[in-house]
Amino acid sequence: MSIAINYKNTSIKKNSSNIVLFVDEKFNISGLKKYILSSEFSFISDLLKTKDLKKKIINFDINSKKKIILVSLKNNLTSSDAENLGAKFYDEFKDIKQSQYFVNSDTAKGQLTNCVGYFLHGLKLKSYLFEKYKSKKNKKNISIIVIGKLKPSLKDQIKFKAIEEGTFYTRDLVSEPGNILHPDEYAKRLSYLKKDGLKINIYDEKKLKKLGMNTLLGVGQGSIRGSYLVTMEWNGLKDKSKPLAFVGKGVCFDTGGISLKPAKFMEDMTYDMAGSAVVVGLMKSLALRKAKINAVGVVGLVENMPGGNAQRPGDIVKSYSGKTVEILNTDAEGRLVLADALTYTEKKFKPKFIVDLATLTGAIIVSLGSEYAGLFSNDDKLSNQLINAGENVEEKVWRMPLNKNFDKLIDSKNADMQNINYVGGAGSTTAAQFLQRFILNKTPWAHLDIAGMAFSKYGGALNSGGATGYGVRLLNKLIEDNYE
C-alpha cells in the first residue's frame, strides 16, 4: 500500500469527494457551513443526533462517491493524541474503495500547533506493511490532499517525512529473514547510506582482529558469515563539537551458539538485531532532516551460530578495553558485542553521551512486558531526558537499578568478569552492570533494553504488527528537545 500526502494552497471545493473535517469533542459543526453544501450540513446535523458521540471519528456517506468524515479533537490535545487519531483513521478507512481524501487543516484552528501534521504522521506510521516476500501485494494507492492555512511548515513536513523514513527503514531491517540479512549483506546495505549524507566506515574481521575486538569476534566465529563494526557519522554542525553517540546490538540471527536455544520460537531471533536497526534508522532520519547536531551511530554485526569453530562455554577472551571475560553461556552474546562497541565509541569519538540499544534480555520482558523499555544509566540528567522524550512520543522507558552490589554476581574466579549471573535473578540489571564496565571514562551513558518493544505480534497504536521501529522517534525527540 502506498500513501501519498500532498499540500496545496487551494481552498476546498464543496463538491470535493471524501472531505475530512476536524471538530471539537462535542461534535459542534456550526463552523463547518462554509466548507460543505447546505444540504450536507442539514443531513449531518440530523444524523449526529443518532450517532455515538463517544467515537472519535464519524463517517457520513453522502452518496456512493462522497464521504464527509468528522474527526473529534478533545481539549488539551497532545501530539500523541493527534498521532493516535491519524492511526485510527487509517484503520477505519484502509479497506474502502475510495482512495482520495481532502483534509481541511483550517478546521483544526485553536488546537495544538501542527495538529494536522501529527495526525498525518500517525496515519503514515500506522500504514506500514512488510510485503517484500509476498507474491500478492496490497497495491492500493491512497492520496491525501491537505488544504487550508494550518498546514505544517516546510521544515516540519521534512521532519515528519524523515522520521517516517527512518522508522520504516528500521522496520524493514528487523523484518528481513536471517538468510537474507546476514552480517555481510547488512554491512553492504549500510554502505549505501552514504547517499543520505552519512560518513560510513566498515571494519571487517581483519580490521577488528587488529584492533583487538575479541568479545565481538568471538560471538560470530561459529558462522560462515563475517563479523563487522560499522560507524555512521552525521556532522550537522560546522564546528567539531563532541557528537552524540548511539550504539546498537546487531545479532542478525541468534541460535544461542553452543548454548543452543530451544527450537520453539527460535525463528523470532531474526529480530535480535533490532537495536542496531534503531541506530541505523535514527542516523538516516537525522541526515534526511539535516539535524543541527553532530552524531555517530555504531553497530556491531554478527551471527551467533554453533559450529566446529564456535565459541565454547568456558572460553576466556580479551576485550578491546583490555578486560577479560569468561564465557559461561554463549547465548548471553549481545553484551559481548556491545562491550567492544561501547569502548571503541567512547575512545574514538569522545562523545557527549552514549545511548546503547539492544534486545538484550528476556528478563526485561518479565519485568516490563511490552509497555516500557528498560532504562539503565550512570547519569540522572540523561535518564530524565530519555524518560521525558519517551512520554512525549509514547515510546516509554522505565528506569531500572544499577548498583555496585550487583558486581559480585558477574565477578569471575578465572577472568575479570563472566558474561552471565549464575546465581539467578536480576538478569537485566546484571547485563547492564556488565556493559557499564566497558564505559571507561565516566561518559554519560544509558542502556535501553528493548527486548519487549522491538516486535509486536498484535500491533500497537502506531504499528500494525511485526517490527515496531521503537526507538527512532524516542531518540529523535531526545535530540530535538535537548541538543538542537
Protein backbone atom coordinates (compact mmCIF):
# COMPACT_ATOMS: atom_id res chain seq x y z
CA MET A 1 0.00 0.00 0.00
CA SER A 2 1.19 3.46 -0.86
CA ILE A 3 0.07 6.68 0.83
CA ALA A 4 0.93 9.99 -0.81
CA ILE A 5 0.45 13.21 1.17
CA ASN A 6 0.41 16.45 -0.79
CA TYR A 7 -0.04 20.00 0.46
CA LYS A 8 -1.90 22.51 -1.70
CA ASN A 9 -2.69 26.18 -1.25
CA THR A 10 -6.09 25.96 -2.93
CA SER A 11 -9.30 26.15 -0.91
CA ILE A 12 -11.54 23.14 -0.65
CA LYS A 13 -14.41 22.82 -3.09
CA LYS A 14 -17.76 21.93 -1.60
CA ASN A 15 -18.28 19.25 -4.21
CA SER A 16 -14.94 17.55 -3.48
CA SER A 17 -15.17 13.88 -2.62
CA ASN A 18 -14.18 12.47 0.77
CA ILE A 19 -13.71 15.57 2.89
CA VAL A 20 -12.04 15.24 6.30
CA LEU A 21 -13.05 17.95 8.76
CA PHE A 22 -11.97 18.49 12.36
CA VAL A 23 -14.49 19.33 15.10
CA ASP A 24 -14.40 19.71 18.88
CA GLU A 25 -15.08 16.80 21.22
CA LYS A 26 -18.81 17.64 21.33
CA PHE A 27 -19.05 17.42 17.53
CA ASN A 28 -20.13 21.05 17.24
CA ILE A 29 -20.38 21.56 13.47
CA SER A 30 -21.60 25.16 13.36
CA GLY A 31 -18.28 26.32 11.95
CA LEU A 32 -18.37 23.90 9.03
CA LYS A 33 -21.11 25.57 6.98
CA LYS A 34 -18.66 27.31 4.68
CA TYR A 35 -16.91 24.05 3.81
CA ILE A 36 -19.87 21.84 2.83
CA LEU A 37 -23.16 22.17 0.97
CA SER A 38 -26.18 23.32 2.98
CA SER A 39 -27.97 20.06 2.20
CA GLU A 40 -24.98 18.13 3.55
CA PHE A 41 -24.88 20.28 6.68
CA SER A 42 -28.56 19.53 7.39
CA PHE A 43 -28.03 15.84 6.67
CA ILE A 44 -25.11 15.62 9.10
CA SER A 45 -26.89 17.67 11.78
CA ASP A 46 -29.82 15.27 11.76
CA LEU A 47 -27.67 12.13 11.77
CA LEU A 48 -25.47 13.37 14.60
CA LYS A 49 -28.48 13.11 16.88
CA THR A 50 -28.44 9.34 16.33
CA LYS A 51 -24.67 8.77 16.40
CA ASP A 52 -22.50 7.60 19.28
CA LEU A 53 -20.53 10.73 20.04
CA LYS A 54 -18.05 8.79 22.14
CA LYS A 55 -16.42 7.77 18.89
CA LYS A 56 -13.52 9.92 17.78
CA ILE A 57 -14.20 9.54 14.05
CA ILE A 58 -17.66 9.53 12.43
CA ASN A 59 -18.21 8.87 8.75
CA PHE A 60 -21.20 10.20 6.79
CA ASP A 61 -21.91 8.60 3.40
CA ILE A 62 -23.29 11.49 1.36
CA ASN A 63 -23.58 9.30 -1.74
CA SER A 64 -21.76 6.37 -3.34
CA LYS A 65 -18.82 8.58 -4.30
CA LYS A 66 -18.59 11.01 -1.42
CA LYS A 67 -17.94 10.81 2.29
CA ILE A 68 -17.69 13.54 4.87
CA ILE A 69 -15.60 12.41 7.81
CA LEU A 70 -15.62 14.26 11.12
CA VAL A 71 -12.61 13.85 13.41
CA SER A 72 -13.18 14.89 17.02
CA LEU A 73 -10.34 16.74 18.73
CA LYS A 74 -10.52 16.84 22.51
CA ASN A 75 -9.48 19.79 24.63
CA ASN A 76 -5.78 19.90 25.54
CA LEU A 77 -4.96 17.56 22.66
CA THR A 78 -1.35 16.33 22.71
CA SER A 79 0.83 15.42 19.76
CA SER A 80 0.47 11.73 20.66
CA ASP A 81 -3.32 12.11 20.79
CA ALA A 82 -3.28 13.55 17.27
CA GLU A 83 -0.97 10.80 16.01
CA ASN A 84 -3.18 8.11 17.50
CA LEU A 85 -6.22 9.68 15.83
CA GLY A 86 -4.42 9.56 12.50
CA ALA A 87 -3.60 5.89 13.04
CA LYS A 88 -7.23 5.20 13.93
CA PHE A 89 -8.34 6.99 10.77
CA TYR A 90 -6.08 4.69 8.73
CA ASP A 91 -7.50 1.59 10.40
CA GLU A 92 -11.07 2.64 9.69
CA PHE A 93 -10.65 3.60 6.04
CA LYS A 94 -7.78 1.47 4.70
CA ASP A 95 -10.10 -1.13 3.14
CA ILE A 96 -12.74 1.05 1.49
CA LYS A 97 -12.82 1.66 -2.26
CA GLN A 98 -12.28 5.41 -2.19
CA SER A 99 -8.62 6.35 -2.40
CA GLN A 100 -8.55 10.16 -2.32
CA TYR A 101 -9.19 12.37 0.72
CA PHE A 102 -9.20 16.14 1.16
CA VAL A 103 -8.09 17.13 4.67
CA ASN A 104 -9.16 20.64 5.65
CA SER A 105 -6.48 21.91 8.02
CA ASP A 106 -8.34 25.15 8.79
CA THR A 107 -10.98 23.25 10.75
CA ALA A 108 -8.29 22.36 13.32
CA LYS A 109 -7.95 26.02 14.30
CA GLY A 110 -7.44 26.57 18.02
CA GLN A 111 -5.73 23.21 18.55
CA LEU A 112 -2.09 22.46 19.27
CA THR A 113 0.49 23.66 16.77
CA ASN A 114 0.99 21.14 13.99
CA CYS A 115 -2.15 19.22 14.92
CA VAL A 116 -2.72 18.21 11.29
CA GLY A 117 0.93 17.30 10.84
CA TYR A 118 0.86 14.95 13.82
CA PHE A 119 -2.46 13.47 12.63
CA LEU A 120 -0.97 12.62 9.23
CA HIS A 121 2.27 11.43 10.82
CA GLY A 122 0.36 8.88 12.88
CA LEU A 123 -1.64 7.81 9.83
CA LYS A 124 1.55 7.25 7.83
CA LEU A 125 3.32 5.34 10.61
CA LYS A 126 0.34 3.02 11.02
CA SER A 127 0.19 2.29 7.29
CA TYR A 128 3.47 0.36 7.16
CA LEU A 129 3.29 -3.17 5.79
CA PHE A 130 6.18 -5.56 5.12
CA GLU A 131 5.16 -7.40 1.96
CA LYS A 132 8.51 -7.84 0.23
CA TYR A 133 8.27 -11.62 0.03
CA LYS A 134 4.54 -11.95 -0.72
CA SER A 135 3.56 -12.86 -4.27
CA LYS A 136 0.32 -10.89 -3.92
CA LYS A 137 0.84 -7.41 -2.56
CA ASN A 138 -1.58 -4.73 -1.47
CA LYS A 139 -1.38 -2.40 -4.47
CA LYS A 140 -3.86 0.19 -3.23
CA ASN A 141 -2.72 3.80 -3.50
CA ILE A 142 -4.22 6.41 -1.17
CA SER A 143 -3.89 10.11 -1.94
CA ILE A 144 -4.32 12.66 0.84
CA ILE A 145 -4.52 16.29 -0.22
CA VAL A 146 -4.12 18.79 2.60
CA ILE A 147 -5.62 22.23 2.04
CA GLY A 148 -6.03 25.29 4.23
CA LYS A 149 -3.65 27.64 6.03
CA LEU A 150 -2.87 25.49 9.09
CA LYS A 151 -0.62 23.06 7.25
CA PRO A 152 2.75 22.13 8.78
CA SER A 153 5.65 24.35 7.76
CA LEU A 154 8.01 23.02 5.09
CA LYS A 155 10.59 22.37 7.82
CA ASP A 156 8.10 20.28 9.80
CA GLN A 157 6.97 18.43 6.68
CA ILE A 158 10.59 17.45 6.08
CA LYS A 159 10.98 16.43 9.74
CA PHE A 160 7.89 14.22 9.75
CA LYS A 161 8.90 12.55 6.49
CA ALA A 162 12.46 11.97 7.71
CA ILE A 163 11.25 10.29 10.91
CA GLU A 164 8.79 8.17 8.93
CA GLU A 165 11.50 7.04 6.52
CA GLY A 166 13.90 6.30 9.38
CA THR A 167 11.25 4.32 11.24
CA PHE A 168 10.25 2.41 8.10
CA TYR A 169 13.89 1.60 7.34
CA THR A 170 14.29 0.23 10.85
CA ARG A 171 11.15 -1.87 10.42
CA ASP A 172 12.39 -3.12 7.05
CA LEU A 173 15.70 -4.26 8.54
CA VAL A 174 14.10 -6.01 11.51
CA SER A 175 11.55 -7.73 9.25
CA GLU A 176 14.16 -9.27 6.95
CA PRO A 177 14.77 -13.02 7.43
CA GLY A 178 18.16 -14.23 8.63
CA ASN A 179 19.07 -15.92 5.36
CA ILE A 180 18.77 -12.56 3.58
CA LEU A 181 20.02 -10.01 6.12
CA HIS A 182 23.14 -11.74 7.40
CA PRO A 183 26.09 -9.59 8.55
CA ASP A 184 27.72 -9.46 5.09
CA GLU A 185 24.52 -8.15 3.47
CA TYR A 186 23.77 -5.83 6.38
CA ALA A 187 27.18 -4.15 6.16
CA LYS A 188 26.74 -3.80 2.40
CA ARG A 189 23.36 -2.09 2.82
CA LEU A 190 24.78 0.34 5.35
CA SER A 191 27.42 1.40 2.84
CA TYR A 192 24.60 2.77 0.66
CA LEU A 193 23.64 5.28 3.36
CA LYS A 194 26.43 7.50 2.07
CA LYS A 195 23.89 8.85 -0.41
CA ASP A 196 21.91 10.30 2.51
CA GLY A 197 24.94 12.28 3.65
CA LEU A 198 26.34 9.92 6.28
CA LYS A 199 30.03 9.10 6.55
CA ILE A 200 30.30 5.31 6.67
CA ASN A 201 33.25 3.23 7.88
CA ILE A 202 33.07 -0.57 7.81
CA TYR A 203 35.51 -2.63 9.89
CA ASP A 204 35.72 -6.24 8.73
CA GLU A 205 37.16 -9.17 10.67
CA LYS A 206 40.73 -8.44 9.63
CA LYS A 207 40.49 -4.89 10.97
CA LEU A 208 38.63 -6.00 14.10
CA LYS A 209 41.31 -8.57 14.92
CA LYS A 210 43.97 -5.91 14.54
CA LEU A 211 42.02 -3.66 16.93
CA GLY A 212 41.60 -6.49 19.44
CA MET A 213 37.78 -6.63 19.42
CA ASN A 214 37.74 -10.22 20.59
CA THR A 215 34.47 -10.22 22.53
CA LEU A 216 32.61 -9.13 19.38
CA LEU A 217 34.54 -11.51 17.13
CA GLY A 218 34.03 -14.44 19.50
CA VAL A 219 30.26 -14.29 19.05
CA GLY A 220 30.48 -14.65 15.28
CA GLN A 221 33.31 -17.16 14.96
CA GLY A 222 30.94 -20.14 14.54
CA SER A 223 29.31 -18.58 11.47
CA ILE A 224 30.42 -18.75 7.85
CA ARG A 225 29.44 -15.09 7.66
CA GLY A 226 31.76 -12.27 8.57
CA SER A 227 31.53 -10.04 11.64
CA TYR A 228 31.63 -6.26 11.36
CA LEU A 229 31.67 -2.99 13.22
CA VAL A 230 30.10 -0.15 11.23
CA THR A 231 30.25 3.54 12.14
CA MET A 232 27.87 6.14 10.69
CA GLU A 233 28.69 9.81 11.23
CA TRP A 234 26.41 12.80 10.74
CA ASN A 235 28.05 16.21 11.02
CA GLY A 236 25.24 18.74 11.06
CA LEU A 237 27.31 21.47 12.72
CA LYS A 238 30.13 23.43 11.16
CA ASP A 239 32.24 23.09 14.29
CA LYS A 240 33.85 19.93 15.59
CA SER A 241 31.85 19.73 18.81
CA LYS A 242 31.54 16.38 20.51
CA PRO A 243 28.99 14.09 18.89
CA LEU A 244 26.03 12.35 20.45
CA ALA A 245 26.67 8.61 20.22
CA PHE A 246 24.27 5.72 19.68
CA VAL A 247 25.36 2.09 19.77
CA GLY A 248 23.32 -0.91 18.65
CA LYS A 249 23.46 -4.69 19.00
CA GLY A 250 23.25 -6.33 15.59
CA VAL A 251 22.99 -10.09 16.07
CA CYS A 252 21.42 -10.91 12.70
CA PHE A 253 20.37 -14.36 13.87
CA ASP A 254 20.84 -15.80 17.33
CA THR A 255 20.75 -19.58 17.72
CA GLY A 256 22.37 -19.24 21.13
CA GLY A 257 25.55 -20.77 19.76
CA ILE A 258 26.85 -23.86 21.59
CA SER A 259 24.43 -22.95 24.40
CA LEU A 260 21.68 -23.68 21.89
CA LYS A 261 18.24 -22.13 22.30
CA PRO A 262 15.08 -24.29 22.32
CA ALA A 263 13.62 -24.74 18.82
CA LYS A 264 10.25 -23.22 19.75
CA PHE A 265 10.11 -19.57 18.71
CA MET A 266 13.75 -19.56 17.58
CA GLU A 267 12.51 -18.06 14.31
CA ASP A 268 11.89 -14.83 16.23
CA MET A 269 15.63 -14.42 16.64
CA THR A 270 15.79 -12.68 13.28
CA TYR A 271 14.95 -9.53 15.21
CA ASP A 272 17.86 -9.84 17.63
CA MET A 273 19.47 -7.11 15.56
CA ALA A 274 16.71 -4.60 16.34
CA GLY A 275 18.96 -2.41 18.50
CA SER A 276 21.29 -1.84 15.57
CA ALA A 277 18.34 -1.21 13.24
CA VAL A 278 17.10 1.57 15.53
CA VAL A 279 20.51 3.23 15.42
CA VAL A 280 20.56 2.95 11.62
CA GLY A 281 17.03 4.36 11.30
CA LEU A 282 17.87 7.20 13.66
CA MET A 283 21.01 8.15 11.73
CA LYS A 284 19.08 8.06 8.45
CA SER A 285 16.37 10.34 9.82
CA LEU A 286 18.92 12.80 11.26
CA ALA A 287 20.59 13.05 7.86
CA LEU A 288 17.31 13.41 5.96
CA ARG A 289 16.08 16.23 8.18
CA LYS A 290 19.52 17.89 8.30
CA ALA A 291 19.60 17.84 12.10
CA LYS A 292 21.71 20.62 13.64
CA ILE A 293 23.89 18.31 15.70
CA ASN A 294 26.90 16.04 15.33
CA ALA A 295 26.05 12.39 15.89
CA VAL A 296 27.60 8.99 15.42
CA GLY A 297 25.95 5.59 15.21
CA VAL A 298 27.96 2.44 15.87
CA VAL A 299 26.65 -1.08 15.26
CA GLY A 300 28.23 -4.48 15.81
CA LEU A 301 27.03 -7.03 13.24
CA VAL A 302 27.42 -10.75 13.90
CA GLU A 303 25.64 -14.08 13.54
CA ASN A 304 25.65 -16.40 16.56
CA MET A 305 25.83 -19.96 15.24
CA PRO A 306 27.04 -23.34 16.55
CA GLY A 307 29.83 -24.98 14.59
CA GLY A 308 33.28 -26.51 14.73
CA ASN A 309 34.86 -23.12 15.25
CA ALA A 310 32.19 -21.71 17.56
CA GLN A 311 32.98 -20.12 20.90
CA ARG A 312 32.63 -22.55 23.81
CA PRO A 313 31.31 -22.14 27.34
CA GLY A 314 34.42 -21.75 29.47
CA ASP A 315 36.40 -19.76 26.90
CA ILE A 316 38.16 -16.62 28.11
CA VAL A 317 38.51 -13.67 25.73
CA LYS A 318 40.28 -10.34 25.99
CA SER A 319 38.09 -7.37 25.04
CA TYR A 320 39.08 -4.20 23.19
CA SER A 321 39.20 -2.48 26.60
CA GLY A 322 41.84 -4.93 27.81
CA LYS A 323 39.46 -6.53 30.31
CA THR A 324 38.99 -10.29 30.14
CA VAL A 325 35.67 -12.11 30.05
CA GLU A 326 34.89 -15.74 30.88
CA ILE A 327 32.14 -17.05 28.61
CA LEU A 328 29.81 -19.15 30.74
CA ASN A 329 26.92 -19.10 28.28
CA THR A 330 27.25 -18.37 24.56
CA ASP A 331 23.60 -17.28 24.46
CA ALA A 332 24.48 -14.18 26.50
CA GLU A 333 26.16 -12.83 23.39
CA GLY A 334 24.66 -9.38 22.89
CA ARG A 335 26.56 -7.89 25.80
CA LEU A 336 29.79 -9.19 24.28
CA VAL A 337 29.09 -7.40 21.00
CA LEU A 338 28.19 -4.20 22.83
CA ALA A 339 31.20 -4.37 25.14
CA ASP A 340 33.73 -3.76 22.37
CA ALA A 341 31.42 -1.36 20.53
CA LEU A 342 30.91 0.80 23.64
CA THR A 343 34.60 1.07 24.49
CA TYR A 344 35.51 1.83 20.89
CA THR A 345 32.83 4.51 20.63
CA GLU A 346 33.97 6.20 23.81
CA LYS A 347 37.68 6.12 22.89
CA LYS A 348 37.33 7.02 19.21
CA PHE A 349 34.64 9.71 19.28
CA LYS A 350 34.77 11.09 22.85
CA PRO A 351 31.02 11.78 22.74
CA LYS A 352 28.82 13.96 24.95
CA PHE A 353 26.90 10.83 25.87
CA ILE A 354 26.34 7.25 24.70
CA VAL A 355 22.95 5.56 24.40
CA ASP A 356 23.02 1.89 23.50
CA LEU A 357 20.04 -0.20 22.42
CA ALA A 358 19.65 -3.96 22.41
CA THR A 359 17.16 -6.78 22.59
CA LEU A 360 19.33 -7.94 25.43
CA THR A 361 17.37 -9.98 27.97
CA GLY A 362 14.16 -11.93 28.33
CA ALA A 363 14.15 -10.80 31.95
CA ILE A 364 13.17 -7.27 30.95
CA ILE A 365 10.03 -8.66 29.30
CA VAL A 366 9.16 -10.43 32.55
CA SER A 367 9.60 -7.11 34.37
CA LEU A 368 8.04 -4.60 31.98
CA GLY A 369 6.22 -6.57 29.29
CA SER A 370 5.76 -4.67 26.04
CA GLU A 371 4.83 -1.31 27.56
CA TYR A 372 8.24 0.05 28.55
CA ALA A 373 11.86 -0.43 27.58
CA GLY A 374 14.24 -0.92 30.46
CA LEU A 375 16.49 2.08 31.09
CA PHE A 376 19.79 1.70 32.93
CA SER A 377 22.10 4.67 33.27
CA ASN A 378 25.01 6.22 35.13
CA ASP A 379 23.62 9.73 34.60
CA ASP A 380 20.44 11.25 36.06
CA LYS A 381 20.25 14.11 33.54
CA LEU A 382 20.40 11.81 30.53
CA SER A 383 17.92 9.42 32.16
CA ASN A 384 15.40 12.18 32.78
CA GLN A 385 15.77 13.43 29.21
CA LEU A 386 15.03 9.94 27.88
CA ILE A 387 12.07 9.48 30.21
CA ASN A 388 10.55 12.81 29.13
CA ALA A 389 11.15 12.13 25.44
CA GLY A 390 9.55 8.71 25.80
CA GLU A 391 6.47 10.15 27.45
CA ASN A 392 6.09 12.75 24.70
CA VAL A 393 6.13 10.25 21.82
CA GLU A 394 4.67 7.30 23.75
CA GLU A 395 7.82 5.21 23.36
CA LYS A 396 8.21 4.86 27.08
CA VAL A 397 11.15 3.83 29.23
CA TRP A 398 11.30 2.78 32.87
CA ARG A 399 14.46 3.32 34.87
CA MET A 400 15.88 0.21 36.48
CA PRO A 401 18.61 -0.02 39.13
CA LEU A 402 22.36 -0.15 38.69
CA ASN A 403 24.43 -0.69 41.82
CA LYS A 404 27.92 -1.89 42.68
CA ASN A 405 26.36 -4.55 44.91
CA PHE A 406 25.37 -6.41 41.74
CA ASP A 407 29.01 -6.65 40.65
CA LYS A 408 29.69 -9.74 42.70
CA LEU A 409 27.18 -11.61 40.55
CA ILE A 410 29.33 -11.19 37.44
CA ASP A 411 32.80 -11.38 39.00
CA SER A 412 34.76 -14.40 37.75
CA LYS A 413 37.36 -16.55 39.50
CA ASN A 414 39.21 -17.05 36.24
CA ALA A 415 38.89 -13.67 34.48
CA ASP A 416 37.96 -10.06 35.19
CA MET A 417 34.28 -10.93 34.79
CA GLN A 418 31.88 -13.56 33.49
CA ASN A 419 29.15 -12.96 30.95
CA ILE A 420 26.19 -14.22 33.00
CA ASN A 421 24.96 -14.34 36.55
CA TYR A 422 24.80 -18.00 37.55
CA VAL A 423 23.12 -17.31 40.90
CA GLY A 424 19.86 -16.26 39.21
CA GLY A 425 17.70 -13.17 39.43
CA ALA A 426 18.36 -9.58 38.32
CA GLY A 427 19.08 -10.77 34.79
CA SER A 428 18.56 -7.42 33.09
CA THR A 429 20.41 -5.48 35.77
CA THR A 430 23.46 -7.75 35.78
CA ALA A 431 23.58 -7.49 31.97
CA ALA A 432 23.57 -3.70 32.25
CA GLN A 433 26.10 -3.86 35.08
CA PHE A 434 28.33 -5.87 32.71
CA LEU A 435 28.02 -3.22 29.99
CA GLN A 436 28.81 -0.41 32.41
CA ARG A 437 32.27 -1.90 32.96
CA PHE A 438 33.14 -1.00 29.37
CA ILE A 439 32.43 2.71 29.84
CA LEU A 440 35.94 3.62 30.93
CA ASN A 441 35.97 7.42 31.18
CA LYS A 442 32.73 8.21 33.04
CA THR A 443 30.96 9.32 29.86
CA PRO A 444 27.21 9.81 30.50
CA TRP A 445 25.71 6.53 29.31
CA ALA A 446 22.31 4.91 29.06
CA HIS A 447 21.40 1.37 28.09
CA LEU A 448 17.94 0.65 26.67
CA ASP A 449 16.87 -2.98 26.80
CA ILE A 450 14.21 -3.07 24.07
CA ALA A 451 13.57 -6.82 24.05
CA GLY A 452 9.87 -6.32 24.75
CA MET A 453 9.43 -3.36 22.42
CA ALA A 454 11.10 -4.17 19.10
CA PHE A 455 8.47 -6.58 17.78
CA SER A 456 4.74 -6.90 18.28
CA LYS A 457 2.64 -9.87 17.28
CA TYR A 458 -0.59 -7.94 17.75
CA GLY A 459 0.27 -4.40 16.71
CA GLY A 460 0.13 -1.16 18.65
CA ALA A 461 -1.19 2.37 18.37
CA LEU A 462 1.16 3.31 15.52
CA ASN A 463 2.06 -0.07 14.04
CA SER A 464 0.05 -2.90 12.57
CA GLY A 465 2.09 -5.78 13.97
CA GLY A 466 5.61 -7.05 13.33
CA ALA A 467 8.62 -4.79 13.66
CA THR A 468 7.66 -1.63 15.55
CA GLY A 469 10.60 0.68 14.87
CA TYR A 470 10.56 1.53 18.58
CA GLY A 471 13.34 3.94 19.47
CA VAL A 472 13.71 6.01 16.32
CA ARG A 473 11.09 8.55 17.39
CA LEU A 474 12.22 8.41 21.03
CA LEU A 475 15.81 9.31 20.17
CA ASN A 476 14.80 11.94 17.63
CA LYS A 477 12.73 13.57 20.37
CA LEU A 478 15.62 13.34 22.83
CA ILE A 479 17.83 15.19 20.36
CA GLU A 480 15.23 17.72 19.22
CA ASP A 481 14.23 18.77 22.74
CA ASN A 482 17.67 18.88 24.36
CA TYR A 483 20.51 19.15 21.85
CA GLU A 484 19.35 21.12 18.78
